[in-house]
Amino acid sequence: MRGALVALPLLACVAACADKSDPPRQIAGADAARGLEVMEQVGCAACHVIPGVDWPRGLAGPSLEGFGDAPMIAGRFPNQPDVLTQWLIDAPSMSPETGMTAMPITDAEARDIAAYLYQLRD
């Protein structure tokens, strides 16, 4: 009986992580197409593989394929629009040990990038 009581919450957590039925996160007023343009302009693909960008295909950072389904940012922060926007602008302020640099983008550009990233689903 005790084993079943322990296994049930774990099973619920695993099932929740595997559920891909949630709609993509929405960011009011953000333009995903513009987000892709900004990513190309600032060179995000120098470090990341980004669907929609053929070259370069950077390997220093993680691939961004399926990012919209990821529950966490950098394995540490909840993947929510306000957190992602802050991360995109100045990741080192949130995680000094990160290899990602502060980016020369505005809040509006970060929101557009986030809108693009949230479209990337498995």
PDB file of N, CA and C in Angstrom:
ATOM      1  N   MET A   1       0.820  -1.196   0.000  1.00  0.00           N
ATOM      2  CA  MET A   1       0.000   0.000   0.000  1.00  0.00           C
ATOM      3  C   MET A   1       0.868   1.266   0.000  1.00  0.00           C
ATOM      4  N   ARG A   2       1.900   1.272   0.834  1.00  0.00           N
ATOM      5  CA  ARG A   2       2.773   2.446   0.905  1.00  0.00           C
ATOM      6  C   ARG A   2       3.437   2.709  -0.445  1.00  0.00           C
ATOM      7  N   GLY A   3       3.866   1.656  -1.143  1.00  0.00           N
ATOM      8  CA  GLY A   3       4.491   1.813  -2.459  1.00  0.00           C
ATOM      9  C   GLY A   3       3.550   2.462  -3.455  1.00  0.00           C
ATOM     10  N   ALA A   4       2.282   2.083  -3.400  1.00  0.00           N
ATOM     11  CA  ALA A   4       1.286   2.673  -4.298  1.00  0.00           C
ATOM     12  C   ALA A   4       1.101   4.160  -3.999  1.00  0.00           C
ATOM     13  N   LEU A   5       1.146   4.527  -2.716  1.00  0.00           N
ATOM     14  CA  LEU A   5       0.984   5.926  -2.343  1.00  0.00           C
ATOM     15  C   LEU A   5       2.155   6.775  -2.831  1.00  0.00           C
ATOM     16  N   VAL A   6       3.342   6.207  -2.871  1.00  0.00           N
ATOM     17  CA  VAL A   6       4.518   6.908  -3.374  1.00  0.00           C
ATOM     18  C   VAL A   6       4.491   6.958  -4.891  1.00  0.00           C
ATOM     19  N   ALA A   7       4.111   5.868  -5.529  1.00  0.00           N
ATOM     20  CA  ALA A   7       4.144   5.777  -6.988  1.00  0.00           C
ATOM     21  C   ALA A   7       3.105   6.666  -7.651  1.00  0.00           C
ATOM     22  N   LEU A   8       1.951   6.839  -7.036  1.00  0.00           N
ATOM     23  CA  LEU A   8       0.881   7.618  -7.654  1.00  0.00           C
ATOM     24  C   LEU A   8       1.293   9.066  -7.930  1.00  0.00           C
ATOM     25  N   PRO A   9       1.855   9.800  -6.963  1.00  0.00           N
ATOM     26  CA  PRO A   9       2.281  11.169  -7.277  1.00  0.00           C
ATOM     27  C   PRO A   9       3.387  11.203  -8.333  1.00  0.00           C
ATOM     28  N   LEU A  10       4.300  10.253  -8.301  1.00  0.00           N
ATOM     29  CA  LEU A  10       5.354  10.221  -9.311  1.00  0.00           C
ATOM     30  C   LEU A  10       4.774   9.980 -10.689  1.00  0.00           C
ATOM     31  N   LEU A  11       3.815   9.085 -10.792  1.00  0.00           N
ATOM     32  CA  LEU A  11       3.163   8.807 -12.063  1.00  0.00           C
ATOM     33  C   LEU A  11       2.446  10.050 -12.575  1.00  0.00           C
ATOM     34  N   ALA A  12       1.815  10.788 -11.695  1.00  0.00           N
ATOM     35  CA  ALA A  12       1.120  12.016 -12.082  1.00  0.00           C
ATOM     36  C   ALA A  12       2.102  13.046 -12.626  1.00  0.00           C
ATOM     37  N   CYS A  13       3.268  13.163 -11.997  1.00  0.00           N
ATOM     38  CA  CYS A  13       4.290  14.103 -12.468  1.00  0.00           C
ATOM     39  C   CYS A  13       4.804  13.720 -13.847  1.00  0.00           C
ATOM     40  N   VAL A  14       5.066  12.453 -14.051  1.00  0.00           N
ATOM     41  CA  VAL A  14       5.556  11.980 -15.343  1.00  0.00           C
ATOM     42  C   VAL A  14       4.504  12.221 -16.414  1.00  0.00           C
ATOM     43  N   ALA A  15       3.272  11.938 -16.127  1.00  0.00           N
ATOM     44  CA  ALA A  15       2.192  12.149 -17.091  1.00  0.00           C
ATOM     45  C   ALA A  15       2.058  13.626 -17.439  1.00  0.00           C
ATOM     46  N   ALA A  16       2.199  14.492 -16.462  1.00  0.00           N
ATOM     47  CA  ALA A  16       2.087  15.928 -16.718  1.00  0.00           C
ATOM     48  C   ALA A  16       3.220  16.414 -17.603  1.00  0.00           C
ATOM     49  N   CYS A  17       4.411  15.893 -17.396  1.00  0.00           N
ATOM     50  CA  CYS A  17       5.556  16.299 -18.208  1.00  0.00           C
ATOM     51  C   CYS A  17       5.412  15.823 -19.646  1.00  0.00           C
ATOM     52  N   ALA A  18       4.772  14.706 -19.848  1.00  0.00           N
ATOM     53  CA  ALA A  18       4.644  14.139 -21.184  1.00  0.00           C
ATOM     54  C   ALA A  18       3.477  14.732 -21.954  1.00  0.00           C
ATOM     55  N   ASP A  19       2.561  15.453 -21.302  1.00  0.00           N
ATOM     56  CA  ASP A  19       1.388  15.999 -21.967  1.00  0.00           C
ATOM     57  C   ASP A  19       1.790  17.156 -22.868  1.00  0.00           C
ATOM     58  N   LYS A  20       1.570  16.991 -24.168  1.00  0.00           N
ATOM     59  CA  LYS A  20       1.923  18.026 -25.136  1.00  0.00           C
ATOM     60  C   LYS A  20       0.677  18.706 -25.693  1.00  0.00           C
ATOM     61  N   SER A  21      -0.472  18.549 -25.060  1.00  0.00           N
ATOM     62  CA  SER A  21      -1.714  19.065 -25.596  1.00  0.00           C
ATOM     63  C   SER A  21      -1.946  20.541 -25.298  1.00  0.00           C
ATOM     64  N   ASP A  22      -1.141  21.145 -24.449  1.00  0.00           N
ATOM     65  CA  ASP A  22      -1.321  22.554 -24.139  1.00  0.00           C
ATOM     66  C   ASP A  22      -1.071  23.399 -25.380  1.00  0.00           C
ATOM     67  N   PRO A  23      -1.866  24.442 -25.578  1.00  0.00           N
ATOM     68  CA  PRO A  23      -1.621  25.317 -26.722  1.00  0.00           C
ATOM     69  C   PRO A  23      -0.326  26.099 -26.503  1.00  0.00           C
ATOM     70  N   PRO A  24       0.271  26.594 -27.572  1.00  0.00           N
ATOM     71  CA  PRO A  24       1.489  27.395 -27.405  1.00  0.00           C
ATOM     72  C   PRO A  24       1.227  28.597 -26.504  1.00  0.00           C
ATOM     73  N   ARG A  25       2.251  29.027 -25.796  1.00  0.00           N
ATOM     74  CA  ARG A  25       2.123  30.218 -24.964  1.00  0.00           C
ATOM     75  C   ARG A  25       1.914  31.423 -25.881  1.00  0.00           C
ATOM     76  N   GLN A  26       1.072  32.329 -25.481  1.00  0.00           N
ATOM     77  CA  GLN A  26       0.783  33.520 -26.272  1.00  0.00           C
ATOM     78  C   GLN A  26       1.382  34.746 -25.591  1.00  0.00           C
ATOM     79  N   ILE A  27       1.900  35.659 -26.389  1.00  0.00           N
ATOM     80  CA  ILE A  27       2.429  36.914 -25.860  1.00  0.00           C
ATOM     81  C   ILE A  27       1.702  38.028 -26.610  1.00  0.00           C
ATOM     82  N   ALA A  28       0.824  38.714 -25.921  1.00  0.00           N
ATOM     83  CA  ALA A  28       0.002  39.759 -26.545  1.00  0.00           C
ATOM     84  C   ALA A  28       0.885  40.811 -27.215  1.00  0.00           C
ATOM     85  N   GLY A  29       0.558  41.115 -28.463  1.00  0.00           N
ATOM     86  CA  GLY A  29       1.263  42.163 -29.194  1.00  0.00           C
ATOM     87  C   GLY A  29       2.601  41.759 -29.768  1.00  0.00           C
ATOM     88  N   ALA A  30       3.047  40.536 -29.533  1.00  0.00           N
ATOM     89  CA  ALA A  30       4.345  40.092 -30.054  1.00  0.00           C
ATOM     90  C   ALA A  30       4.180  39.547 -31.467  1.00  0.00           C
ATOM     91  N   ASP A  31       5.237  39.657 -32.268  1.00  0.00           N
ATOM     92  CA  ASP A  31       5.232  39.230 -33.662  1.00  0.00           C
ATOM     93  C   ASP A  31       6.311  38.165 -33.857  1.00  0.00           C
ATOM     94  N   ALA A  32       5.883  36.917 -33.989  1.00  0.00           N
ATOM     95  CA  ALA A  32       6.830  35.800 -34.117  1.00  0.00           C
ATOM     96  C   ALA A  32       7.711  35.942 -35.355  1.00  0.00           C
ATOM     97  N   ALA A  33       7.146  36.403 -36.461  1.00  0.00           N
ATOM     98  CA  ALA A  33       7.950  36.566 -37.683  1.00  0.00           C
ATOM     99  C   ALA A  33       9.049  37.598 -37.459  1.00  0.00           C
ATOM    100  N   ARG A  34       8.727  38.655 -36.778  1.00  0.00           N
ATOM    101  CA  ARG A  34       9.730  39.673 -36.443  1.00  0.00           C
ATOM    102  C   ARG A  34      10.768  39.084 -35.479  1.00  0.00           C
ATOM    103  N   GLY A  35      10.325  38.218 -34.587  1.00  0.00           N
ATOM    104  CA  GLY A  35      11.259  37.564 -33.672  1.00  0.00           C
ATOM    105  C   GLY A  35      12.319  36.773 -34.410  1.00  0.00           C
ATOM    106  N   LEU A  36      11.917  36.052 -35.451  1.00  0.00           N
ATOM    107  CA  LEU A  36      12.893  35.306 -36.253  1.00  0.00           C
ATOM    108  C   LEU A  36      13.867  36.262 -36.930  1.00  0.00           C
ATOM    109  N   GLU A  37      13.367  37.380 -37.446  1.00  0.00           N
ATOM    110  CA  GLU A  37      14.246  38.379 -38.070  1.00  0.00           C
ATOM    111  C   GLU A  37      15.272  38.917 -37.072  1.00  0.00           C
ATOM    112  N   VAL A  38      14.809  39.215 -35.871  1.00  0.00           N
ATOM    113  CA  VAL A  38      15.717  39.746 -34.841  1.00  0.00           C
ATOM    114  C   VAL A  38      16.772  38.692 -34.495  1.00  0.00           C
ATOM    115  N   MET A  39      16.350  37.433 -34.369  1.00  0.00           N
ATOM    116  CA  MET A  39      17.300  36.362 -34.052  1.00  0.00           C
ATOM    117  C   MET A  39      18.376  36.268 -35.128  1.00  0.00           C
ATOM    118  N   GLU A  40      17.979  36.418 -36.377  1.00  0.00           N
ATOM    119  CA  GLU A  40      18.958  36.379 -37.468  1.00  0.00           C
ATOM    120  C   GLU A  40      19.885  37.591 -37.406  1.00  0.00           C
ATOM    121  N   GLN A  41      19.344  38.777 -37.105  1.00  0.00           N
ATOM    122  CA  GLN A  41      20.139  39.999 -37.050  1.00  0.00           C
ATOM    123  C   GLN A  41      21.179  39.980 -35.940  1.00  0.00           C
ATOM    124  N   VAL A  42      20.798  39.485 -34.763  1.00  0.00           N
ATOM    125  CA  VAL A  42      21.736  39.512 -33.638  1.00  0.00           C
ATOM    126  C   VAL A  42      22.621  38.271 -33.575  1.00  0.00           C
ATOM    127  N   GLY A  43      22.355  37.289 -34.432  1.00  0.00           N
ATOM    128  CA  GLY A  43      23.250  36.140 -34.543  1.00  0.00           C
ATOM    129  C   GLY A  43      23.022  35.021 -33.543  1.00  0.00           C
ATOM    130  N   CYS A  44      21.787  34.813 -33.130  1.00  0.00           N
ATOM    131  CA  CYS A  44      21.501  33.737 -32.172  1.00  0.00           C
ATOM    132  C   CYS A  44      21.944  32.369 -32.697  1.00  0.00           C
ATOM    133  N   ALA A  45      21.895  32.196 -34.009  1.00  0.00           N
ATOM    134  CA  ALA A  45      22.257  30.906 -34.604  1.00  0.00           C
ATOM    135  C   ALA A  45      23.761  30.642 -34.570  1.00  0.00           C
ATOM    136  N   ALA A  46      24.551  31.618 -34.156  1.00  0.00           N
ATOM    137  CA  ALA A  46      25.985  31.367 -33.985  1.00  0.00           C
ATOM    138  C   ALA A  46      26.213  30.387 -32.836  1.00  0.00           C
ATOM    139  N   CYS A  47      25.265  30.349 -31.894  1.00  0.00           N
ATOM    140  CA  CYS A  47      25.386  29.450 -30.742  1.00  0.00           C
ATOM    141  C   CYS A  47      24.313  28.363 -30.699  1.00  0.00           C
ATOM    142  N   HIS A  48      23.174  28.581 -31.335  1.00  0.00           N
ATOM    143  CA  HIS A  48      22.040  27.656 -31.247  1.00  0.00           C
ATOM    144  C   HIS A  48      21.618  27.148 -32.622  1.00  0.00           C
ATOM    145  N   VAL A  49      21.158  25.916 -32.679  1.00  0.00           N
ATOM    146  CA  VAL A  49      20.424  25.428 -33.839  1.00  0.00           C
ATOM    147  C   VAL A  49      19.015  25.982 -33.687  1.00  0.00           C
ATOM    148  N   ILE A  50      18.549  26.687 -34.732  1.00  0.00           N
ATOM    149  CA  ILE A  50      17.245  27.332 -34.672  1.00  0.00           C
ATOM    150  C   ILE A  50      16.436  26.920 -35.891  1.00  0.00           C
ATOM    151  N   PRO A  51      15.317  26.243 -35.700  1.00  0.00           N
ATOM    152  CA  PRO A  51      14.461  25.937 -36.843  1.00  0.00           C
ATOM    153  C   PRO A  51      14.073  27.234 -37.561  1.00  0.00           C
ATOM    154  N   GLY A  52      14.200  27.228 -38.871  1.00  0.00           N
ATOM    155  CA  GLY A  52      13.910  28.419 -39.663  1.00  0.00           C
ATOM    156  C   GLY A  52      15.164  29.180 -40.041  1.00  0.00           C
ATOM    157  N   VAL A  53      16.296  28.841 -39.423  1.00  0.00           N
ATOM    158  CA  VAL A  53      17.580  29.467 -39.758  1.00  0.00           C
ATOM    159  C   VAL A  53      18.491  28.358 -40.277  1.00  0.00           C
ATOM    160  N   ASP A  54      18.866  28.460 -41.547  1.00  0.00           N
ATOM    161  CA  ASP A  54      19.676  27.405 -42.162  1.00  0.00           C
ATOM    162  C   ASP A  54      21.161  27.501 -41.817  1.00  0.00           C
ATOM    163  N   TRP A  55      21.651  28.716 -41.618  1.00  0.00           N
ATOM    164  CA  TRP A  55      23.068  28.901 -41.351  1.00  0.00           C
ATOM    165  C   TRP A  55      23.247  30.171 -40.548  1.00  0.00           C
ATOM    166  N   PRO A  56      24.149  30.217 -39.629  1.00  0.00           N
ATOM    167  CA  PRO A  56      24.933  29.088 -39.118  1.00  0.00           C
ATOM    168  C   PRO A  56      24.067  28.176 -38.260  1.00  0.00           C
ATOM    169  N   ARG A  57      24.654  27.081 -37.867  1.00  0.00           N
ATOM    170  CA  ARG A  57      23.973  26.130 -36.986  1.00  0.00           C
ATOM    171  C   ARG A  57      24.893  25.892 -35.789  1.00  0.00           C
ATOM    172  N   GLY A  58      24.866  26.831 -34.875  1.00  0.00           N
ATOM    173  CA  GLY A  58      25.761  26.807 -33.723  1.00  0.00           C
ATOM    174  C   GLY A  58      25.531  25.635 -32.797  1.00  0.00           C
ATOM    175  N   LEU A  59      26.608  25.210 -32.161  1.00  0.00           N
ATOM    176  CA  LEU A  59      26.553  24.073 -31.251  1.00  0.00           C
ATOM    177  C   LEU A  59      26.986  24.431 -29.832  1.00  0.00           C
ATOM    178  N   ALA A  60      27.297  25.701 -29.590  1.00  0.00           N
ATOM    179  CA  ALA A  60      27.743  26.090 -28.249  1.00  0.00           C
ATOM    180  C   ALA A  60      26.589  26.070 -27.247  1.00  0.00           C
ATOM    181  N   GLY A  61      25.411  26.452 -27.694  1.00  0.00           N
ATOM    182  CA  GLY A  61      24.221  26.434 -26.841  1.00  0.00           C
ATOM    183  C   GLY A  61      23.306  25.309 -27.270  1.00  0.00           C
ATOM    184  N   PRO A  62      22.251  25.080 -26.522  1.00  0.00           N
ATOM    185  CA  PRO A  62      21.336  23.988 -26.877  1.00  0.00           C
ATOM    186  C   PRO A  62      20.546  24.313 -28.144  1.00  0.00           C
ATOM    187  N   SER A  63      20.115  23.268 -28.829  1.00  0.00           N
ATOM    188  CA  SER A  63      19.198  23.433 -29.949  1.00  0.00           C
ATOM    189  C   SER A  63      17.894  24.014 -29.405  1.00  0.00           C
ATOM    190  N   LEU A  64      17.266  24.856 -30.189  1.00  0.00           N
ATOM    191  CA  LEU A  64      16.008  25.460 -29.769  1.00  0.00           C
ATOM    192  C   LEU A  64      14.802  24.752 -30.377  1.00  0.00           C
ATOM    193  N   GLU A  65      15.055  23.633 -31.033  1.00  0.00           N
ATOM    194  CA  GLU A  65      13.956  22.828 -31.565  1.00  0.00           C
ATOM    195  C   GLU A  65      13.079  22.371 -30.400  1.00  0.00           C
ATOM    196  N   GLY A  66      11.785  22.500 -30.548  1.00  0.00           N
ATOM    197  CA  GLY A  66      10.853  22.072 -29.509  1.00  0.00           C
ATOM    198  C   GLY A  66      10.824  22.968 -28.290  1.00  0.00           C
ATOM    199  N   PHE A  67      11.403  24.173 -28.370  1.00  0.00           N
ATOM    200  CA  PHE A  67      11.491  25.047 -27.205  1.00  0.00           C
ATOM    201  C   PHE A  67      10.122  25.351 -26.605  1.00  0.00           C
ATOM    202  N   GLY A  68       9.105  25.467 -27.442  1.00  0.00           N
ATOM    203  CA  GLY A  68       7.771  25.787 -26.950  1.00  0.00           C
ATOM    204  C   GLY A  68       7.194  24.739 -26.020  1.00  0.00           C
ATOM    205  N   ASP A  69       7.731  23.518 -26.074  1.00  0.00           N
ATOM    206  CA  ASP A  69       7.272  22.452 -25.195  1.00  0.00           C
ATOM    207  C   ASP A  69       8.118  22.317 -23.929  1.00  0.00           C
ATOM    208  N   ALA A  70       9.229  23.028 -23.865  1.00  0.00           N
ATOM    209  CA  ALA A  70      10.140  22.893 -22.728  1.00  0.00           C
ATOM    210  C   ALA A  70       9.544  23.522 -21.471  1.00  0.00           C
ATOM    211  N   PRO A  71       9.570  22.806 -20.356  1.00  0.00           N
ATOM    212  CA  PRO A  71       9.028  23.376 -19.119  1.00  0.00           C
ATOM    213  C   PRO A  71       9.983  24.355 -18.435  1.00  0.00           C
ATOM    214  N   MET A  72      11.269  24.275 -18.774  1.00  0.00           N
ATOM    215  CA  MET A  72      12.267  25.089 -18.080  1.00  0.00           C
ATOM    216  C   MET A  72      13.146  25.830 -19.077  1.00  0.00           C
ATOM    217  N   ILE A  73      13.717  26.925 -18.636  1.00  0.00           N
ATOM    218  CA  ILE A  73      14.722  27.671 -19.386  1.00  0.00           C
ATOM    219  C   ILE A  73      16.054  27.385 -18.722  1.00  0.00           C
ATOM    220  N   ALA A  74      17.009  26.924 -19.497  1.00  0.00           N
ATOM    221  CA  ALA A  74      18.351  26.605 -18.982  1.00  0.00           C
ATOM    222  C   ALA A  74      18.303  25.615 -17.823  1.00  0.00           C
ATOM    223  N   GLY A  75      17.246  24.828 -17.767  1.00  0.00           N
ATOM    224  CA  GLY A  75      17.120  23.820 -16.723  1.00  0.00           C
ATOM    225  C   GLY A  75      16.896  24.380 -15.329  1.00  0.00           C
ATOM    226  N   ARG A  76      16.630  25.694 -15.218  1.00  0.00           N
ATOM    227  CA  ARG A  76      16.544  26.322 -13.897  1.00  0.00           C
ATOM    228  C   ARG A  76      15.327  27.199 -13.675  1.00  0.00           C
ATOM    229  N   PHE A  77      14.802  27.781 -14.739  1.00  0.00           N
ATOM    230  CA  PHE A  77      13.763  28.790 -14.598  1.00  0.00           C
ATOM    231  C   PHE A  77      12.492  28.341 -15.311  1.00  0.00           C
ATOM    232  N   PRO A  78      11.323  28.693 -14.783  1.00  0.00           N
ATOM    233  CA  PRO A  78      10.078  28.292 -15.444  1.00  0.00           C
ATOM    234  C   PRO A  78       9.977  28.957 -16.815  1.00  0.00           C
ATOM    235  N   ASN A  79       9.580  28.189 -17.796  1.00  0.00           N
ATOM    236  CA  ASN A  79       9.476  28.703 -19.158  1.00  0.00           C
ATOM    237  C   ASN A  79       8.159  29.469 -19.306  1.00  0.00           C
ATOM    238  N   GLN A  80       8.178  30.695 -18.829  1.00  0.00           N
ATOM    239  CA  GLN A  80       7.036  31.600 -18.881  1.00  0.00           C
ATOM    240  C   GLN A  80       7.463  32.875 -19.599  1.00  0.00           C
ATOM    241  N   PRO A  81       6.532  33.553 -20.287  1.00  0.00           N
ATOM    242  CA  PRO A  81       6.903  34.708 -21.109  1.00  0.00           C
ATOM    243  C   PRO A  81       7.720  35.784 -20.410  1.00  0.00           C
ATOM    244  N   ASP A  82       7.347  36.193 -19.202  1.00  0.00           N
ATOM    245  CA  ASP A  82       8.102  37.248 -18.534  1.00  0.00           C
ATOM    246  C   ASP A  82       9.513  36.809 -18.169  1.00  0.00           C
ATOM    247  N   VAL A  83       9.654  35.561 -17.768  1.00  0.00           N
ATOM    248  CA  VAL A  83      10.973  35.022 -17.414  1.00  0.00           C
ATOM    249  C   VAL A  83      11.824  34.880 -18.675  1.00  0.00           C
ATOM    250  N   LEU A  84      11.225  34.359 -19.746  1.00  0.00           N
ATOM    251  CA  LEU A  84      11.967  34.187 -20.998  1.00  0.00           C
ATOM    252  C   LEU A  84      12.419  35.533 -21.551  1.00  0.00           C
ATOM    253  N   THR A  85      11.565  36.526 -21.502  1.00  0.00           N
ATOM    254  CA  THR A  85      11.932  37.852 -22.005  1.00  0.00           C
ATOM    255  C   THR A  85      13.138  38.394 -21.242  1.00  0.00           C
ATOM    256  N   GLN A  86      13.115  38.272 -19.932  1.00  0.00           N
ATOM    257  CA  GLN A  86      14.256  38.722 -19.122  1.00  0.00           C
ATOM    258  C   GLN A  86      15.507  37.921 -19.479  1.00  0.00           C
ATOM    259  N   TRP A  87      15.367  36.601 -19.645  1.00  0.00           N
ATOM    260  CA  TRP A  87      16.497  35.729 -19.986  1.00  0.00           C
ATOM    261  C   TRP A  87      17.099  36.156 -21.324  1.00  0.00           C
ATOM    262  N   LEU A  88      16.268  36.419 -22.309  1.00  0.00           N
ATOM    263  CA  LEU A  88      16.763  36.779 -23.640  1.00  0.00           C
ATOM    264  C   LEU A  88      17.540  38.091 -23.624  1.00  0.00           C
ATOM    265  N   ILE A  89      17.124  39.024 -22.800  1.00  0.00           N
ATOM    266  CA  ILE A  89      17.792  40.318 -22.732  1.00  0.00           C
ATOM    267  C   ILE A  89      19.093  40.235 -21.939  1.00  0.00           C
ATOM    268  N   ASP A  90      19.065  39.584 -20.789  1.00  0.00           N
ATOM    269  CA  ASP A  90      20.247  39.596 -19.912  1.00  0.00           C
ATOM    270  C   ASP A  90      20.345  38.317 -19.090  1.00  0.00           C
ATOM    271  N   ALA A  91      20.634  37.213 -19.756  1.00  0.00           N
ATOM    272  CA  ALA A  91      20.756  35.918 -19.076  1.00  0.00           C
ATOM    273  C   ALA A  91      21.778  35.939 -17.932  1.00  0.00           C
ATOM    274  N   PRO A  92      22.936  36.604 -18.089  1.00  0.00           N
ATOM    275  CA  PRO A  92      23.909  36.585 -16.996  1.00  0.00           C
ATOM    276  C   PRO A  92      23.394  37.214 -15.697  1.00  0.00           C
ATOM    277  N   SER A  93      22.425  38.123 -15.775  1.00  0.00           N
ATOM    278  CA  SER A  93      21.896  38.709 -14.542  1.00  0.00           C
ATOM    279  C   SER A  93      21.067  37.692 -13.765  1.00  0.00           C
ATOM    280  N   MET A  94      20.547  36.694 -14.466  1.00  0.00           N
ATOM    281  CA  MET A  94      19.757  35.655 -13.818  1.00  0.00           C
ATOM    282  C   MET A  94      20.617  34.463 -13.409  1.00  0.00           C
ATOM    283  N   SER A  95      21.641  34.204 -14.205  1.00  0.00           N
ATOM    284  CA  SER A  95      22.493  33.040 -13.982  1.00  0.00           C
ATOM    285  C   SER A  95      23.921  33.402 -14.396  1.00  0.00           C
ATOM    286  N   PRO A  96      24.712  33.964 -13.479  1.00  0.00           N
ATOM    287  CA  PRO A  96      26.046  34.449 -13.820  1.00  0.00           C
ATOM    288  C   PRO A  96      26.956  33.415 -14.476  1.00  0.00           C
ATOM    289  N   GLU A  97      26.715  32.125 -14.208  1.00  0.00           N
ATOM    290  CA  GLU A  97      27.586  31.098 -14.773  1.00  0.00           C
ATOM    291  C   GLU A  97      27.196  30.682 -16.190  1.00  0.00           C
ATOM    292  N   THR A  98      26.121  31.252 -16.738  1.00  0.00           N
ATOM    293  CA  THR A  98      25.688  30.866 -18.070  1.00  0.00           C
ATOM    294  C   THR A  98      26.702  31.287 -19.126  1.00  0.00           C
ATOM    295  N   GLY A  99      26.720  30.564 -20.207  1.00  0.00           N
ATOM    296  CA  GLY A  99      27.558  30.924 -21.344  1.00  0.00           C
ATOM    297  C   GLY A  99      26.870  31.917 -22.263  1.00  0.00           C
ATOM    298  N   MET A 100      25.563  32.132 -22.034  1.00  0.00           N
ATOM    299  CA  MET A 100      24.820  33.067 -22.875  1.00  0.00           C
ATOM    300  C   MET A 100      25.129  34.491 -22.441  1.00  0.00           C
ATOM    301  N   THR A 101      25.366  35.342 -23.421  1.00  0.00           N
ATOM    302  CA  THR A 101      25.698  36.732 -23.125  1.00  0.00           C
ATOM    303  C   THR A 101      24.442  37.584 -23.052  1.00  0.00           C
ATOM    304  N   ALA A 102      24.577  38.758 -22.459  1.00  0.00           N
ATOM    305  CA  ALA A 102      23.502  39.755 -22.537  1.00  0.00           C
ATOM    306  C   ALA A 102      23.365  40.133 -24.004  1.00  0.00           C
ATOM    307  N   MET A 103      22.142  40.285 -24.466  1.00  0.00           N
ATOM    308  CA  MET A 103      21.901  40.540 -25.877  1.00  0.00           C
ATOM    309  C   MET A 103      21.505  41.995 -26.106  1.00  0.00           C
ATOM    310  N   PRO A 104      21.942  42.562 -27.229  1.00  0.00           N
ATOM    311  CA  PRO A 104      21.611  43.961 -27.537  1.00  0.00           C
ATOM    312  C   PRO A 104      20.224  44.068 -28.170  1.00  0.00           C
ATOM    313  N   ILE A 105      19.198  43.719 -27.385  1.00  0.00           N
ATOM    314  CA  ILE A 105      17.824  43.758 -27.889  1.00  0.00           C
ATOM    315  C   ILE A 105      16.933  44.514 -26.905  1.00  0.00           C
ATOM    316  N   THR A 106      15.861  45.041 -27.448  1.00  0.00           N
ATOM    317  CA  THR A 106      14.889  45.756 -26.615  1.00  0.00           C
ATOM    318  C   THR A 106      13.907  44.758 -26.008  1.00  0.00           C
ATOM    319  N   ASP A 107      13.094  45.253 -25.083  1.00  0.00           N
ATOM    320  CA  ASP A 107      12.061  44.420 -24.490  1.00  0.00           C
ATOM    321  C   ASP A 107      11.081  43.943 -25.567  1.00  0.00           C
ATOM    322  N   ALA A 108      10.701  44.824 -26.490  1.00  0.00           N
ATOM    323  CA  ALA A 108       9.774  44.445 -27.571  1.00  0.00           C
ATOM    324  C   ALA A 108      10.396  43.369 -28.457  1.00  0.00           C
ATOM    325  N   GLU A 109      11.679  43.500 -28.769  1.00  0.00           N
ATOM    326  CA  GLU A 109      12.355  42.483 -29.587  1.00  0.00           C
ATOM    327  C   GLU A 109      12.427  41.153 -28.846  1.00  0.00           C
ATOM    328  N   ALA A 110      12.688  41.193 -27.545  1.00  0.00           N
ATOM    329  CA  ALA A 110      12.728  39.960 -26.748  1.00  0.00           C
ATOM    330  C   ALA A 110      11.361  39.290 -26.743  1.00  0.00           C
ATOM    331  N   ARG A 111      10.304  40.078 -26.661  1.00  0.00           N
ATOM    332  CA  ARG A 111       8.946  39.520 -26.703  1.00  0.00           C
ATOM    333  C   ARG A 111       8.669  38.877 -28.063  1.00  0.00           C
ATOM    334  N   ASP A 112       9.151  39.507 -29.138  1.00  0.00           N
ATOM    335  CA  ASP A 112       8.978  38.926 -30.476  1.00  0.00           C
ATOM    336  C   ASP A 112       9.749  37.616 -30.590  1.00  0.00           C
ATOM    337  N   ILE A 113      10.971  37.586 -30.079  1.00  0.00           N
ATOM    338  CA  ILE A 113      11.769  36.352 -30.098  1.00  0.00           C
ATOM    339  C   ILE A 113      11.061  35.270 -29.298  1.00  0.00           C
ATOM    340  N   ALA A 114      10.555  35.631 -28.127  1.00  0.00           N
ATOM    341  CA  ALA A 114       9.838  34.659 -27.296  1.00  0.00           C
ATOM    342  C   ALA A 114       8.638  34.103 -28.054  1.00  0.00           C
ATOM    343  N   ALA A 115       7.903  34.961 -28.751  1.00  0.00           N
ATOM    344  CA  ALA A 115       6.749  34.497 -29.529  1.00  0.00           C
ATOM    345  C   ALA A 115       7.188  33.480 -30.578  1.00  0.00           C
ATOM    346  N   TYR A 116       8.331  33.722 -31.213  1.00  0.00           N
ATOM    347  CA  TYR A 116       8.841  32.762 -32.202  1.00  0.00           C
ATOM    348  C   TYR A 116       9.232  31.446 -31.519  1.00  0.00           C
ATOM    349  N   LEU A 117       9.952  31.543 -30.419  1.00  0.00           N
ATOM    350  CA  LEU A 117      10.400  30.338 -29.725  1.00  0.00           C
ATOM    351  C   LEU A 117       9.225  29.493 -29.239  1.00  0.00           C
ATOM    352  N   TYR A 118       8.160  30.126 -28.803  1.00  0.00           N
ATOM    353  CA  TYR A 118       7.007  29.380 -28.307  1.00  0.00           C
ATOM    354  C   TYR A 118       6.260  28.658 -29.429  1.00  0.00           C
ATOM    355  N   GLN A 119       6.502  29.027 -30.679  1.00  0.00           N
ATOM    356  CA  GLN A 119       5.916  28.297 -31.805  1.00  0.00           C
ATOM    357  C   GLN A 119       6.672  27.004 -32.104  1.00  0.00           C
ATOM    358  N   LEU A 120       7.880  26.884 -31.600  1.00  0.00           N
ATOM    359  CA  LEU A 120       8.724  25.716 -31.884  1.00  0.00           C
ATOM    360  C   LEU A 120       8.324  24.580 -30.973  1.00  0.00           C
ATOM    361  N   ARG A 121       7.480  23.700 -31.491  1.00  0.00           N
ATOM    362  CA  ARG A 121       6.954  22.590 -30.692  1.00  0.00           C
ATOM    363  C   ARG A 121       7.275  21.284 -31.377  1.00  0.00           C
ATOM    364  N   ASP A 122       7.460  20.261 -30.549  1.00  0.00           N
ATOM    365  CA  ASP A 122       7.718  18.909 -31.094  1.00  0.00           C
ATOM    366  C   ASP A 122       6.468  18.323 -31.688  1.00  0.00           C
TER     367      ASP A 122
END
